[in-house]
Amino acid sequence: MTGANIPLLELRGITKRFPGVLALDQVSLALHAGEVHMLMGENGAGKSTLMKVLCSAYTADAGEIFSDGKPQAVRSAADATALGVAVIFQEYSLVPHLSIGQNIYLGREPLNRFGLVDHVRMHRDARAMLDRLSLDLDTRREVQGLGVAQQQMVEIAKALSQNARVLVLDEPTAALSDRETAKLFEVIAELKKQGVAMAYISHRMEEVFRLGDRVTVFA
């Protein structure tokens, strides 16, 4: 495999068992820079389970994960983050009473020379993340005042602030209006230009034809 064809992230032969259930049986998946890889299949087919293995929410019983062609041990959320993996689940992890900027850098706040949170820098950096997504939102606005689509965008901005190279989107349009979905598609197109690899779980064929560069069907 040439350097240009090496995936940013690859899962090989992933097997995951639960009591009485074989959820994944030798599943392999490659995610390439600047591509949207659509994951399709019925509920319970293993799509979300595979992504949870990728982000270490589940531990695989067998198989390997490779980053830039090199085997990696993903045993914790920190390991997944270090590889540049971020997952946007349908239930967001934002803190409602905190601002957009505070949510983006929660637990990673920049500090000044006195060891205190540097709010000016934090909001400046948060603004830069939102600008990458062409989002005109006040970084000091509380998240609880945002709509579902705006919260989703904040989650994506948070992922980018962690240097995410691989973004997993779990049925991201499920709760969005047509207008909000169109905005999300614009953001996805911009992320493709920036070289982000995306795994996109969907049941909607129109999304596959509009967004997908590769498709994997789970049976």
Protein backbone atom coordinates (compact mmCIF):
# COMPACT_ATOMS: atom_id res chain seq x y z
CA MET A 1 0.00 0.00 0.00
CA THR A 2 1.51 3.35 -1.03
CA GLY A 3 1.79 6.29 1.36
CA ALA A 4 -0.99 8.15 -0.44
CA ASN A 5 -3.34 5.20 0.02
CA ILE A 6 -2.62 4.51 3.69
CA PRO A 7 -5.79 5.25 5.70
CA LEU A 8 -5.68 7.76 8.51
CA LEU A 9 -7.30 5.08 10.61
CA GLU A 10 -8.02 1.41 9.97
CA LEU A 11 -9.77 -1.31 11.93
CA ARG A 12 -8.87 -4.89 10.98
CA GLY A 13 -10.67 -8.08 12.01
CA ILE A 14 -12.60 -6.50 14.88
CA THR A 15 -14.65 -9.01 16.87
CA LYS A 16 -16.90 -8.06 19.79
CA ARG A 17 -19.04 -10.41 21.84
CA PHE A 18 -21.69 -9.67 24.43
CA PRO A 19 -23.35 -12.38 26.53
CA GLY A 20 -25.19 -14.54 24.00
CA VAL A 21 -24.54 -12.15 21.12
CA LEU A 22 -21.77 -11.90 18.51
CA ALA A 23 -22.04 -8.18 17.74
CA LEU A 24 -19.03 -7.93 15.41
CA ASP A 25 -17.39 -10.79 13.55
CA GLN A 26 -14.03 -10.00 11.94
CA VAL A 27 -15.09 -6.53 10.75
CA SER A 28 -12.59 -4.32 8.91
CA LEU A 29 -12.95 -0.65 7.99
CA ALA A 30 -10.60 1.97 6.55
CA LEU A 31 -11.06 5.73 6.94
CA HIS A 32 -9.18 8.00 4.51
CA ALA A 33 -8.31 11.69 4.72
CA GLY A 34 -10.86 13.99 3.13
CA GLU A 35 -13.45 11.26 2.63
CA VAL A 36 -16.89 10.52 4.04
CA HIS A 37 -17.28 6.79 4.65
CA MET A 38 -20.98 5.95 5.00
CA LEU A 39 -21.93 3.15 7.40
CA MET A 40 -25.33 1.59 6.70
CA GLY A 41 -27.34 -1.34 7.98
CA GLU A 42 -30.29 -2.27 10.15
CA ASN A 43 -30.43 -1.39 13.82
CA GLY A 44 -28.33 -3.87 15.75
CA ALA A 45 -26.11 -4.68 12.77
CA GLY A 46 -23.01 -3.43 14.59
CA LYS A 47 -22.37 0.07 13.21
CA SER A 48 -22.41 1.90 16.52
CA THR A 49 -20.68 -0.99 18.27
CA LEU A 50 -17.73 -0.72 15.88
CA MET A 51 -17.50 3.03 16.46
CA LYS A 52 -17.58 2.48 20.21
CA VAL A 53 -14.65 0.09 19.85
CA LEU A 54 -12.87 2.81 17.89
CA CYS A 55 -13.34 5.39 20.66
CA SER A 56 -12.62 2.81 23.42
CA ALA A 57 -16.14 2.82 24.88
CA TYR A 58 -15.99 -0.93 24.19
CA THR A 59 -12.96 -3.20 24.16
CA ALA A 60 -12.70 -5.56 21.19
CA ASP A 61 -12.27 -9.27 21.83
CA ALA A 62 -10.06 -9.55 18.75
CA GLY A 63 -8.66 -7.37 16.00
CA GLU A 64 -6.32 -4.41 15.59
CA ILE A 65 -6.48 -0.66 15.08
CA PHE A 66 -3.96 1.13 12.87
CA SER A 67 -3.18 4.84 12.60
CA ASP A 68 -1.22 5.94 9.52
CA GLY A 69 -0.41 2.28 8.92
CA LYS A 70 1.01 1.69 12.41
CA PRO A 71 -0.67 -0.59 14.99
CA GLN A 72 -2.08 1.23 18.00
CA ALA A 73 -3.37 0.24 21.42
CA VAL A 74 -6.65 2.05 22.10
CA ARG A 75 -7.47 1.24 25.71
CA SER A 76 -8.94 4.55 26.87
CA ALA A 77 -10.71 7.67 25.66
CA ALA A 78 -7.37 9.47 26.01
CA ASP A 79 -5.77 6.97 23.60
CA ALA A 80 -8.52 7.58 21.04
CA THR A 81 -8.20 11.36 21.42
CA ALA A 82 -4.43 11.12 20.99
CA LEU A 83 -5.03 9.39 17.65
CA GLY A 84 -7.31 12.25 16.61
CA VAL A 85 -10.60 10.33 16.94
CA ALA A 86 -13.77 12.17 17.97
CA VAL A 87 -17.32 10.81 18.05
CA ILE A 88 -20.44 12.99 17.85
CA PHE A 89 -23.17 10.87 19.40
CA GLN A 90 -26.88 11.68 19.17
CA GLU A 91 -26.85 12.63 22.86
CA TYR A 92 -24.53 15.58 23.22
CA SER A 93 -22.08 15.92 26.10
CA LEU A 94 -22.25 19.71 26.49
CA VAL A 95 -22.81 21.47 29.83
CA PRO A 96 -25.94 23.64 29.41
CA HIS A 97 -25.10 26.49 31.80
CA LEU A 98 -21.58 27.02 30.43
CA SER A 99 -20.75 29.16 27.42
CA ILE A 100 -19.81 27.87 23.99
CA GLY A 101 -16.16 28.71 24.60
CA GLN A 102 -16.15 27.04 28.02
CA ASN A 103 -17.70 23.90 26.54
CA ILE A 104 -15.21 23.71 23.68
CA TYR A 105 -12.26 23.86 26.08
CA LEU A 106 -13.84 22.18 29.11
CA GLY A 107 -11.07 20.50 31.11
CA ARG A 108 -8.43 21.96 28.75
CA GLU A 109 -8.78 25.66 29.56
CA PRO A 110 -5.74 27.81 28.66
CA LEU A 111 -4.06 29.35 31.69
CA ASN A 112 -2.30 32.65 32.17
CA ARG A 113 1.02 33.13 33.96
CA PHE A 114 -0.78 33.20 37.30
CA GLY A 115 -2.32 29.78 36.73
CA LEU A 116 -5.80 31.20 36.20
CA VAL A 117 -8.07 30.54 33.23
CA ASP A 118 -7.19 32.89 30.37
CA HIS A 119 -10.72 33.73 29.25
CA VAL A 120 -9.59 36.10 26.49
CA ARG A 121 -7.42 33.42 24.88
CA MET A 122 -10.06 30.73 25.41
CA HIS A 123 -12.75 32.70 23.59
CA ARG A 124 -10.30 33.77 20.88
CA ASP A 125 -9.35 30.14 20.25
CA ALA A 126 -13.01 29.08 20.37
CA ARG A 127 -13.78 31.76 17.78
CA ALA A 128 -11.09 30.28 15.53
CA MET A 129 -12.72 26.84 15.81
CA LEU A 130 -16.14 28.23 14.92
CA ASP A 131 -14.62 30.13 12.00
CA ARG A 132 -13.32 26.83 10.60
CA LEU A 133 -16.96 25.79 10.38
CA SER A 134 -18.20 29.18 9.15
CA LEU A 135 -20.36 29.55 12.27
CA ASP A 136 -21.39 33.01 13.42
CA LEU A 137 -22.05 32.32 17.11
CA ASP A 138 -21.05 34.33 20.17
CA THR A 139 -18.58 32.16 22.09
CA ARG A 140 -19.83 33.69 25.36
CA ARG A 141 -23.40 32.54 24.74
CA GLU A 142 -24.65 29.78 27.04
CA VAL A 143 -25.20 26.44 25.37
CA GLN A 144 -28.64 26.04 26.93
CA GLY A 145 -29.88 28.81 24.63
CA LEU A 146 -28.83 26.99 21.47
CA GLY A 147 -30.91 24.80 19.18
CA VAL A 148 -30.11 21.16 18.50
CA ALA A 149 -28.23 21.92 15.28
CA GLN A 150 -26.15 24.65 16.90
CA GLN A 151 -25.24 22.33 19.79
CA GLN A 152 -24.14 19.75 17.25
CA MET A 153 -21.87 22.31 15.61
CA VAL A 154 -20.37 23.18 18.99
CA GLU A 155 -19.64 19.47 19.51
CA ILE A 156 -17.86 19.40 16.14
CA ALA A 157 -15.90 22.56 17.02
CA LYS A 158 -14.91 20.92 20.31
CA ALA A 159 -13.65 17.89 18.40
CA LEU A 160 -11.60 20.10 16.08
CA SER A 161 -10.08 21.89 19.07
CA GLN A 162 -8.74 18.48 20.12
CA ASN A 163 -7.04 18.12 16.72
CA ALA A 164 -9.53 15.54 15.51
CA ARG A 165 -8.46 13.91 12.24
CA VAL A 166 -11.22 11.31 12.28
CA LEU A 167 -14.78 12.38 13.02
CA VAL A 168 -17.58 9.88 13.64
CA LEU A 169 -21.11 11.18 13.07
CA ASP A 170 -23.88 8.93 14.42
CA GLU A 171 -27.06 9.69 12.45
CA PRO A 172 -26.40 13.43 12.77
CA THR A 173 -29.50 14.58 10.86
CA ALA A 174 -32.00 12.58 12.93
CA ALA A 175 -33.25 15.64 14.85
CA LEU A 176 -32.46 18.36 12.30
CA SER A 177 -34.73 20.35 10.01
CA ASP A 178 -34.05 20.49 6.28
CA ARG A 179 -32.35 23.87 6.66
CA GLU A 180 -30.20 22.65 9.56
CA THR A 181 -29.30 19.53 7.59
CA ALA A 182 -28.18 21.68 4.65
CA LYS A 183 -25.89 23.63 7.00
CA LEU A 184 -24.43 20.41 8.38
CA PHE A 185 -23.70 19.22 4.84
CA GLU A 186 -21.87 22.51 4.17
CA VAL A 187 -19.75 21.92 7.27
CA ILE A 188 -18.99 18.35 6.18
CA ALA A 189 -17.88 19.61 2.76
CA GLU A 190 -15.55 22.10 4.46
CA LEU A 191 -14.10 19.41 6.74
CA LYS A 192 -13.41 17.25 3.68
CA LYS A 193 -11.38 20.10 2.20
CA GLN A 194 -9.44 20.28 5.46
CA GLY A 195 -8.54 16.58 5.17
CA VAL A 196 -10.70 15.25 7.99
CA ALA A 197 -11.80 11.62 7.60
CA MET A 198 -15.42 10.98 8.53
CA ALA A 199 -17.41 7.88 9.38
CA TYR A 200 -21.07 8.74 8.89
CA ILE A 201 -23.77 6.40 10.23
CA SER A 202 -27.05 6.79 8.36
CA HIS A 203 -30.23 5.01 7.31
CA ARG A 204 -31.03 7.54 4.59
CA MET A 205 -30.12 6.66 1.01
CA GLU A 206 -30.27 10.30 -0.12
CA GLU A 207 -27.47 11.11 2.31
CA VAL A 208 -25.39 8.24 0.97
CA PHE A 209 -25.64 9.52 -2.60
CA ARG A 210 -25.05 13.13 -1.61
CA LEU A 211 -22.19 12.71 0.87
CA GLY A 212 -20.63 9.29 0.54
CA ASP A 213 -17.22 8.65 -1.00
CA ARG A 214 -17.21 5.06 0.25
CA VAL A 215 -19.99 2.90 1.67
CA THR A 216 -19.90 -0.08 4.01
CA VAL A 217 -23.12 -2.02 4.61
CA PHE A 218 -23.47 -3.98 7.85
CA ALA A 219 -25.62 -7.09 7.51
